[in-house]
Protein backbone atom coordinates (compact mmCIF):
# COMPACT_ATOMS: atom_id res chain seq x y z
CA UNK A 1 0.00 0.00 0.00
CA UNK A 2 1.38 3.41 -0.93
CA UNK A 3 1.00 6.29 1.49
CA UNK A 4 2.15 9.90 1.72
CA UNK A 5 3.85 10.70 5.02
CA UNK A 6 2.60 13.86 6.70
CA UNK A 7 5.27 13.74 9.45
CA UNK A 8 8.79 12.34 9.73
CA UNK A 9 8.71 8.68 10.82
CA UNK A 10 11.95 7.06 12.04
CA UNK A 11 13.27 4.29 9.79
CA UNK A 12 10.44 4.86 7.29
CA UNK A 13 10.80 8.30 5.73
CA UNK A 14 10.34 12.02 5.96
CA UNK A 15 7.27 14.23 5.57
CA UNK A 16 5.95 14.36 1.98
CA UNK A 17 7.65 11.08 1.00
CA UNK A 18 5.62 8.43 -0.80
CA UNK A 19 6.43 5.03 0.68
CA UNK A 20 5.20 1.45 0.42
CA UNK A 21 4.05 -0.14 3.68
CA UNK A 22 1.92 -3.09 4.64
CA UNK A 23 -1.80 -2.26 4.74
CA UNK A 24 -2.15 -3.15 8.42
CA UNK A 25 0.65 -0.79 9.45
CA UNK A 26 -0.90 2.03 7.42
CA UNK A 27 -4.52 1.47 8.45
CA UNK A 28 -3.92 0.69 12.11
CA UNK A 29 -1.07 3.03 13.03
CA UNK A 30 0.11 5.58 10.47
CA UNK A 31 -3.20 6.95 9.15
CA UNK A 32 -5.10 7.10 12.50
CA UNK A 33 -2.04 8.61 14.20
CA UNK A 34 -1.87 11.43 11.66
CA UNK A 35 1.51 10.29 10.33
CA UNK A 36 0.28 9.55 6.81
CA UNK A 37 -2.55 9.65 4.29
CA UNK A 38 -3.44 7.33 1.42
CA UNK A 39 -1.57 8.13 -1.82
CA UNK A 40 -4.56 8.59 -4.15
CA UNK A 41 -3.99 10.15 -7.59
CA UNK A 42 -5.51 13.42 -6.36
CA UNK A 43 -3.31 13.46 -3.24
CA UNK A 44 -0.24 12.84 -5.43
CA UNK A 45 -1.08 15.84 -7.66
CA UNK A 46 -1.60 18.08 -4.64
CA UNK A 47 1.71 16.87 -3.17
CA UNK A 48 3.57 17.53 -6.44
CA UNK A 49 2.22 21.09 -6.62
CA UNK A 50 3.05 21.79 -2.97
CA UNK A 51 6.60 20.43 -3.40
CA UNK A 52 7.15 22.55 -6.50
CA UNK A 53 6.09 25.70 -4.62
CA UNK A 54 8.18 24.81 -1.57
CA UNK A 55 11.40 23.95 -3.47
CA UNK A 56 13.06 27.36 -3.13
CA UNK A 57 12.20 27.61 0.59
CA UNK A 58 13.64 24.16 1.16
CA UNK A 59 16.92 25.14 -0.51
CA UNK A 60 17.36 27.97 2.02
CA UNK A 61 16.48 25.69 4.93
CA UNK A 62 19.00 23.12 3.72
CA UNK A 63 21.70 25.79 3.37
CA UNK A 64 21.01 26.96 6.94
CA UNK A 65 21.22 23.35 8.17
CA UNK A 66 24.57 22.90 6.40
CA UNK A 67 25.90 26.09 8.00
CA UNK A 68 24.79 24.80 11.41
CA UNK A 69 26.50 21.44 10.70
CA UNK A 70 29.75 23.29 9.94
CA UNK A 71 29.39 25.34 13.12
CA UNK A 72 28.78 22.40 15.46
CA UNK A 73 31.64 20.40 13.97
CA UNK A 74 34.01 23.05 15.36
CA UNK A 75 32.50 23.21 18.85
CA UNK A 76 34.39 20.77 21.06
CA UNK A 77 32.56 19.50 24.14
CA UNK A 78 34.13 18.05 27.28
CA UNK A 79 32.18 15.86 29.69
CA UNK A 80 33.50 15.10 33.17
CA UNK A 81 32.41 11.62 34.24
CA UNK A 82 33.15 9.44 37.24
CA UNK A 83 35.74 6.91 36.18
CA UNK A 84 38.07 4.25 37.48
CA UNK A 85 40.96 2.63 35.57
CA UNK A 86 39.92 4.39 32.36
CA UNK A 87 36.35 3.05 32.46
CA UNK A 88 33.45 5.41 33.04
CA UNK A 89 30.41 4.90 35.21
CA UNK A 90 27.28 5.71 33.21
CA UNK A 91 27.38 7.17 29.74
CA UNK A 92 27.05 10.39 27.76
CA UNK A 93 23.46 10.68 26.55
CA UNK A 94 21.87 12.66 23.75
CA UNK A 95 20.17 14.78 26.43
CA UNK A 96 23.56 15.72 27.91
CA UNK A 97 24.89 16.65 24.47
CA UNK A 98 21.80 18.75 23.68
CA UNK A 99 22.15 20.62 26.98
CA UNK A 100 25.88 21.24 26.43
CA UNK A 101 25.21 22.55 22.92
CA UNK A 102 22.44 24.81 24.27
CA UNK A 103 24.95 26.27 26.72
CA UNK A 104 27.09 27.18 23.69
CA UNK A 105 24.13 28.81 21.94
CA UNK A 106 23.09 25.99 19.60
CA UNK A 107 19.60 24.54 20.08
CA UNK A 108 19.33 20.89 19.03
CA UNK A 109 16.56 18.37 19.61
CA UNK A 110 17.82 15.40 21.60
CA UNK A 111 15.73 13.07 19.40
CA UNK A 112 17.91 13.96 16.41
CA UNK A 113 21.20 13.14 18.18
CA UNK A 114 22.63 9.62 17.91
CA UNK A 115 25.37 8.59 20.35
CA UNK A 116 27.07 5.21 20.12
CA UNK A 117 27.59 3.29 23.33
CA UNK A 118 31.07 3.42 24.89
CA UNK A 119 32.54 2.64 28.30
CA UNK A 120 36.00 4.24 28.33
CA UNK A 121 37.52 7.71 28.54
CA UNK A 122 38.53 9.34 25.27
CA UNK A 123 37.31 11.28 22.25
CA UNK A 124 34.09 10.36 20.47
CA UNK A 125 31.66 11.68 17.89
CA UNK A 126 27.87 11.85 17.83
CA UNK A 127 25.74 12.24 14.73
CA UNK A 128 22.96 14.81 14.56
CA UNK A 129 20.22 14.91 11.93
CA UNK A 130 19.67 18.57 11.00
CA UNK A 131 17.70 18.14 7.77
CA UNK A 132 16.63 15.17 5.71
CA UNK A 133 19.73 15.64 3.53
CA UNK A 134 22.12 17.12 6.12
CA UNK A 135 23.89 15.25 8.91
CA UNK A 136 26.31 16.88 11.30
CA UNK A 137 28.89 15.50 13.70
CA UNK A 138 29.55 16.62 17.23
CA UNK A 139 33.02 15.95 18.62
CA UNK A 140 33.27 15.45 22.35
CA UNK A 141 35.77 14.24 24.89
CA UNK A 142 35.06 12.24 28.03
CA UNK A 143 37.44 12.95 30.90
CA UNK A 144 37.65 11.67 34.45
CA UNK A 145 36.10 13.87 37.12
CA UNK A 146 38.74 15.72 39.11
CA UNK A 147 41.49 15.11 36.55
CA UNK A 148 43.98 18.00 36.35
CA UNK A 149 44.28 19.68 32.96
CA UNK A 150 47.82 20.24 31.68
CA UNK A 151 47.00 23.21 29.42
CA UNK A 152 45.61 25.51 32.11
C-alpha atoms as a PDB file:
ATOM      1  CA  UNK A   1       0.000   0.000   0.000  1.00  0.00           C
ATOM      2  CA  UNK A   2       1.378   3.406  -0.926  1.00  0.00           C
ATOM      3  CA  UNK A   3       1.000   6.292   1.489  1.00  0.00           C
ATOM      4  CA  UNK A   4       2.149   9.899   1.718  1.00  0.00           C
ATOM      5  CA  UNK A   5       3.855  10.697   5.015  1.00  0.00           C
ATOM      6  CA  UNK A   6       2.599  13.865   6.700  1.00  0.00           C
ATOM      7  CA  UNK A   7       5.265  13.736   9.451  1.00  0.00           C
ATOM      8  CA  UNK A   8       8.793  12.341   9.728  1.00  0.00           C
ATOM      9  CA  UNK A   9       8.711   8.683  10.820  1.00  0.00           C
ATOM     10  CA  UNK A  10      11.950   7.059  12.037  1.00  0.00           C
ATOM     11  CA  UNK A  11      13.275   4.291   9.790  1.00  0.00           C
ATOM     12  CA  UNK A  12      10.445   4.862   7.286  1.00  0.00           C
ATOM     13  CA  UNK A  13      10.801   8.301   5.733  1.00  0.00           C
ATOM     14  CA  UNK A  14      10.341  12.024   5.956  1.00  0.00           C
ATOM     15  CA  UNK A  15       7.270  14.226   5.574  1.00  0.00           C
ATOM     16  CA  UNK A  16       5.950  14.357   1.978  1.00  0.00           C
ATOM     17  CA  UNK A  17       7.653  11.075   0.998  1.00  0.00           C
ATOM     18  CA  UNK A  18       5.619   8.432  -0.799  1.00  0.00           C
ATOM     19  CA  UNK A  19       6.432   5.029   0.685  1.00  0.00           C
ATOM     20  CA  UNK A  20       5.203   1.449   0.425  1.00  0.00           C
ATOM     21  CA  UNK A  21       4.047  -0.141   3.682  1.00  0.00           C
ATOM     22  CA  UNK A  22       1.920  -3.094   4.641  1.00  0.00           C
ATOM     23  CA  UNK A  23      -1.805  -2.265   4.742  1.00  0.00           C
ATOM     24  CA  UNK A  24      -2.148  -3.154   8.418  1.00  0.00           C
ATOM     25  CA  UNK A  25       0.652  -0.789   9.449  1.00  0.00           C
ATOM     26  CA  UNK A  26      -0.904   2.029   7.417  1.00  0.00           C
ATOM     27  CA  UNK A  27      -4.522   1.469   8.445  1.00  0.00           C
ATOM     28  CA  UNK A  28      -3.917   0.691  12.111  1.00  0.00           C
ATOM     29  CA  UNK A  29      -1.067   3.029  13.032  1.00  0.00           C
ATOM     30  CA  UNK A  30       0.108   5.582  10.471  1.00  0.00           C
ATOM     31  CA  UNK A  31      -3.197   6.951   9.154  1.00  0.00           C
ATOM     32  CA  UNK A  32      -5.103   7.102  12.503  1.00  0.00           C
ATOM     33  CA  UNK A  33      -2.036   8.606  14.198  1.00  0.00           C
ATOM     34  CA  UNK A  34      -1.869  11.427  11.663  1.00  0.00           C
ATOM     35  CA  UNK A  35       1.506  10.285  10.326  1.00  0.00           C
ATOM     36  CA  UNK A  36       0.276   9.547   6.808  1.00  0.00           C
ATOM     37  CA  UNK A  37      -2.555   9.649   4.288  1.00  0.00           C
ATOM     38  CA  UNK A  38      -3.438   7.328   1.419  1.00  0.00           C
ATOM     39  CA  UNK A  39      -1.567   8.132  -1.820  1.00  0.00           C
ATOM     40  CA  UNK A  40      -4.559   8.590  -4.145  1.00  0.00           C
ATOM     41  CA  UNK A  41      -3.990  10.153  -7.592  1.00  0.00           C
ATOM     42  CA  UNK A  42      -5.514  13.423  -6.356  1.00  0.00           C
ATOM     43  CA  UNK A  43      -3.313  13.456  -3.242  1.00  0.00           C
ATOM     44  CA  UNK A  44      -0.240  12.842  -5.431  1.00  0.00           C
ATOM     45  CA  UNK A  45      -1.084  15.837  -7.663  1.00  0.00           C
ATOM     46  CA  UNK A  46      -1.595  18.080  -4.644  1.00  0.00           C
ATOM     47  CA  UNK A  47       1.711  16.871  -3.173  1.00  0.00           C
ATOM     48  CA  UNK A  48       3.574  17.531  -6.439  1.00  0.00           C
ATOM     49  CA  UNK A  49       2.216  21.087  -6.623  1.00  0.00           C
ATOM     50  CA  UNK A  50       3.052  21.787  -2.971  1.00  0.00           C
ATOM     51  CA  UNK A  51       6.596  20.431  -3.398  1.00  0.00           C
ATOM     52  CA  UNK A  52       7.145  22.551  -6.499  1.00  0.00           C
ATOM     53  CA  UNK A  53       6.094  25.702  -4.618  1.00  0.00           C
ATOM     54  CA  UNK A  54       8.180  24.807  -1.575  1.00  0.00           C
ATOM     55  CA  UNK A  55      11.399  23.953  -3.467  1.00  0.00           C
ATOM     56  CA  UNK A  56      13.057  27.365  -3.133  1.00  0.00           C
ATOM     57  CA  UNK A  57      12.197  27.615   0.588  1.00  0.00           C
ATOM     58  CA  UNK A  58      13.641  24.158   1.156  1.00  0.00           C
ATOM     59  CA  UNK A  59      16.924  25.137  -0.513  1.00  0.00           C
ATOM     60  CA  UNK A  60      17.356  27.969   2.015  1.00  0.00           C
ATOM     61  CA  UNK A  61      16.479  25.689   4.935  1.00  0.00           C
ATOM     62  CA  UNK A  62      19.002  23.116   3.723  1.00  0.00           C
ATOM     63  CA  UNK A  63      21.704  25.786   3.375  1.00  0.00           C
ATOM     64  CA  UNK A  64      21.013  26.956   6.938  1.00  0.00           C
ATOM     65  CA  UNK A  65      21.216  23.352   8.172  1.00  0.00           C
ATOM     66  CA  UNK A  66      24.572  22.895   6.403  1.00  0.00           C
ATOM     67  CA  UNK A  67      25.896  26.092   8.002  1.00  0.00           C
ATOM     68  CA  UNK A  68      24.792  24.795  11.409  1.00  0.00           C
ATOM     69  CA  UNK A  69      26.504  21.445  10.704  1.00  0.00           C
ATOM     70  CA  UNK A  70      29.754  23.289   9.939  1.00  0.00           C
ATOM     71  CA  UNK A  71      29.391  25.345  13.122  1.00  0.00           C
ATOM     72  CA  UNK A  72      28.782  22.405  15.461  1.00  0.00           C
ATOM     73  CA  UNK A  73      31.644  20.399  13.970  1.00  0.00           C
ATOM     74  CA  UNK A  74      34.014  23.051  15.356  1.00  0.00           C
ATOM     75  CA  UNK A  75      32.497  23.215  18.853  1.00  0.00           C
ATOM     76  CA  UNK A  76      34.387  20.765  21.059  1.00  0.00           C
ATOM     77  CA  UNK A  77      32.559  19.498  24.141  1.00  0.00           C
ATOM     78  CA  UNK A  78      34.126  18.052  27.284  1.00  0.00           C
ATOM     79  CA  UNK A  79      32.175  15.864  29.691  1.00  0.00           C
ATOM     80  CA  UNK A  80      33.498  15.097  33.168  1.00  0.00           C
ATOM     81  CA  UNK A  81      32.406  11.616  34.242  1.00  0.00           C
ATOM     82  CA  UNK A  82      33.153   9.444  37.237  1.00  0.00           C
ATOM     83  CA  UNK A  83      35.743   6.913  36.178  1.00  0.00           C
ATOM     84  CA  UNK A  84      38.067   4.246  37.485  1.00  0.00           C
ATOM     85  CA  UNK A  85      40.961   2.630  35.573  1.00  0.00           C
ATOM     86  CA  UNK A  86      39.918   4.394  32.361  1.00  0.00           C
ATOM     87  CA  UNK A  87      36.355   3.053  32.464  1.00  0.00           C
ATOM     88  CA  UNK A  88      33.453   5.407  33.039  1.00  0.00           C
ATOM     89  CA  UNK A  89      30.414   4.902  35.214  1.00  0.00           C
ATOM     90  CA  UNK A  90      27.281   5.705  33.211  1.00  0.00           C
ATOM     91  CA  UNK A  91      27.384   7.174  29.736  1.00  0.00           C
ATOM     92  CA  UNK A  92      27.055  10.391  27.764  1.00  0.00           C
ATOM     93  CA  UNK A  93      23.455  10.678  26.547  1.00  0.00           C
ATOM     94  CA  UNK A  94      21.870  12.663  23.746  1.00  0.00           C
ATOM     95  CA  UNK A  95      20.165  14.779  26.434  1.00  0.00           C
ATOM     96  CA  UNK A  96      23.559  15.718  27.911  1.00  0.00           C
ATOM     97  CA  UNK A  97      24.893  16.655  24.472  1.00  0.00           C
ATOM     98  CA  UNK A  98      21.801  18.750  23.679  1.00  0.00           C
ATOM     99  CA  UNK A  99      22.152  20.624  26.981  1.00  0.00           C
ATOM    100  CA  UNK A 100      25.882  21.236  26.432  1.00  0.00           C
ATOM    101  CA  UNK A 101      25.213  22.551  22.916  1.00  0.00           C
ATOM    102  CA  UNK A 102      22.435  24.806  24.266  1.00  0.00           C
ATOM    103  CA  UNK A 103      24.947  26.268  26.724  1.00  0.00           C
ATOM    104  CA  UNK A 104      27.088  27.184  23.692  1.00  0.00           C
ATOM    105  CA  UNK A 105      24.131  28.814  21.939  1.00  0.00           C
ATOM    106  CA  UNK A 106      23.086  25.986  19.597  1.00  0.00           C
ATOM    107  CA  UNK A 107      19.604  24.542  20.081  1.00  0.00           C
ATOM    108  CA  UNK A 108      19.332  20.887  19.031  1.00  0.00           C
ATOM    109  CA  UNK A 109      16.564  18.366  19.608  1.00  0.00           C
ATOM    110  CA  UNK A 110      17.820  15.396  21.601  1.00  0.00           C
ATOM    111  CA  UNK A 111      15.727  13.066  19.400  1.00  0.00           C
ATOM    112  CA  UNK A 112      17.914  13.965  16.407  1.00  0.00           C
ATOM    113  CA  UNK A 113      21.201  13.142  18.180  1.00  0.00           C
ATOM    114  CA  UNK A 114      22.631   9.625  17.913  1.00  0.00           C
ATOM    115  CA  UNK A 115      25.374   8.594  20.348  1.00  0.00           C
ATOM    116  CA  UNK A 116      27.065   5.212  20.119  1.00  0.00           C
ATOM    117  CA  UNK A 117      27.594   3.290  23.331  1.00  0.00           C
ATOM    118  CA  UNK A 118      31.066   3.424  24.891  1.00  0.00           C
ATOM    119  CA  UNK A 119      32.539   2.643  28.297  1.00  0.00           C
ATOM    120  CA  UNK A 120      36.003   4.244  28.325  1.00  0.00           C
ATOM    121  CA  UNK A 121      37.522   7.712  28.542  1.00  0.00           C
ATOM    122  CA  UNK A 122      38.526   9.341  25.272  1.00  0.00           C
ATOM    123  CA  UNK A 123      37.312  11.282  22.249  1.00  0.00           C
ATOM    124  CA  UNK A 124      34.094  10.360  20.471  1.00  0.00           C
ATOM    125  CA  UNK A 125      31.658  11.682  17.888  1.00  0.00           C
ATOM    126  CA  UNK A 126      27.875  11.846  17.828  1.00  0.00           C
ATOM    127  CA  UNK A 127      25.741  12.244  14.730  1.00  0.00           C
ATOM    128  CA  UNK A 128      22.957  14.805  14.563  1.00  0.00           C
ATOM    129  CA  UNK A 129      20.225  14.913  11.926  1.00  0.00           C
ATOM    130  CA  UNK A 130      19.668  18.573  11.002  1.00  0.00           C
ATOM    131  CA  UNK A 131      17.698  18.141   7.771  1.00  0.00           C
ATOM    132  CA  UNK A 132      16.627  15.168   5.709  1.00  0.00           C
ATOM    133  CA  UNK A 133      19.730  15.640   3.530  1.00  0.00           C
ATOM    134  CA  UNK A 134      22.124  17.118   6.120  1.00  0.00           C
ATOM    135  CA  UNK A 135      23.886  15.251   8.908  1.00  0.00           C
ATOM    136  CA  UNK A 136      26.313  16.879  11.300  1.00  0.00           C
ATOM    137  CA  UNK A 137      28.890  15.500  13.698  1.00  0.00           C
ATOM    138  CA  UNK A 138      29.546  16.616  17.233  1.00  0.00           C
ATOM    139  CA  UNK A 139      33.018  15.952  18.616  1.00  0.00           C
ATOM    140  CA  UNK A 140      33.272  15.449  22.351  1.00  0.00           C
ATOM    141  CA  UNK A 141      35.774  14.241  24.893  1.00  0.00           C
ATOM    142  CA  UNK A 142      35.057  12.241  28.034  1.00  0.00           C
ATOM    143  CA  UNK A 143      37.442  12.948  30.898  1.00  0.00           C
ATOM    144  CA  UNK A 144      37.649  11.667  34.447  1.00  0.00           C
ATOM    145  CA  UNK A 145      36.097  13.875  37.120  1.00  0.00           C
ATOM    146  CA  UNK A 146      38.736  15.716  39.114  1.00  0.00           C
ATOM    147  CA  UNK A 147      41.493  15.114  36.552  1.00  0.00           C
ATOM    148  CA  UNK A 148      43.984  17.998  36.347  1.00  0.00           C
ATOM    149  CA  UNK A 149      44.279  19.679  32.958  1.00  0.00           C
ATOM    150  CA  UNK A 150      47.816  20.243  31.681  1.00  0.00           C
ATOM    151  CA  UNK A 151      46.997  23.206  29.418  1.00  0.00           C
ATOM    152  CA  UNK A 152      45.611  25.514  32.113  1.00  0.00           C
END
